[in-house]
């Protein structure tokens, strides 16, 4: 007896093709999800590395103020260091520019921007060559930095402004954090940079001792 080979019906072929298509779509979707996860992880890693590099540079900058003395237009002799919660201005060397052969005025200032994600802040660095003069006008100096110095972006995309603070070791009630450092004869013992606190989020402060102050601390022990 001969048996005829039974072929696939049109419906069976359509079902098989549909199942094959579904399997291919699921496989492609799974691959896309995996690739998207990799991309997001890589983007997070790159953002973390960039933030780490930026904070490392920022730490070196905050360590670098030189205790140089200047006299302002009110005839007050003081350290070449002036700061408040949002801005910091000091004298330091920049070895990356000229192997540290000369001094520069360095300004760290915050600027807000309107972005597609809303209002964001960034931390900028400006600098100008330091030139000795008989009197110093801080307002004129700050404007000169804004007008003639191309800013370098140290931190970008911050949801809120960061805050500077300065540790005064000679406060009446012991060491005290101040929100302003003006017309002082020396550098602060420590400089603190604090990000704005978010609800339910830990705050990672950056606390740095100016190098000259660190030497004094170690020498007193």
Foldseek 3Di string as FASTA:
>chain_A
DDDDDDDDDPVRVVVVVVVVVVVVVVVVVVVVVVVVVVVVVVVVVVVVVLLVVLVVVVQVVQQFADQDWAAAPVRQIAGQWWAFFFKIWGKGADCVVPNRPFIKIKMWGKDWDQDPVGIFIWIKIFIDGDDGDNHHDPVVVVVCRVPPTDIDTSGIRAPDGKTKWFWAQPDPVGIDIHRIDPSHHGGGQKIKIWGDDDVPDDIDIDIHGHNVSVVVVVVVD
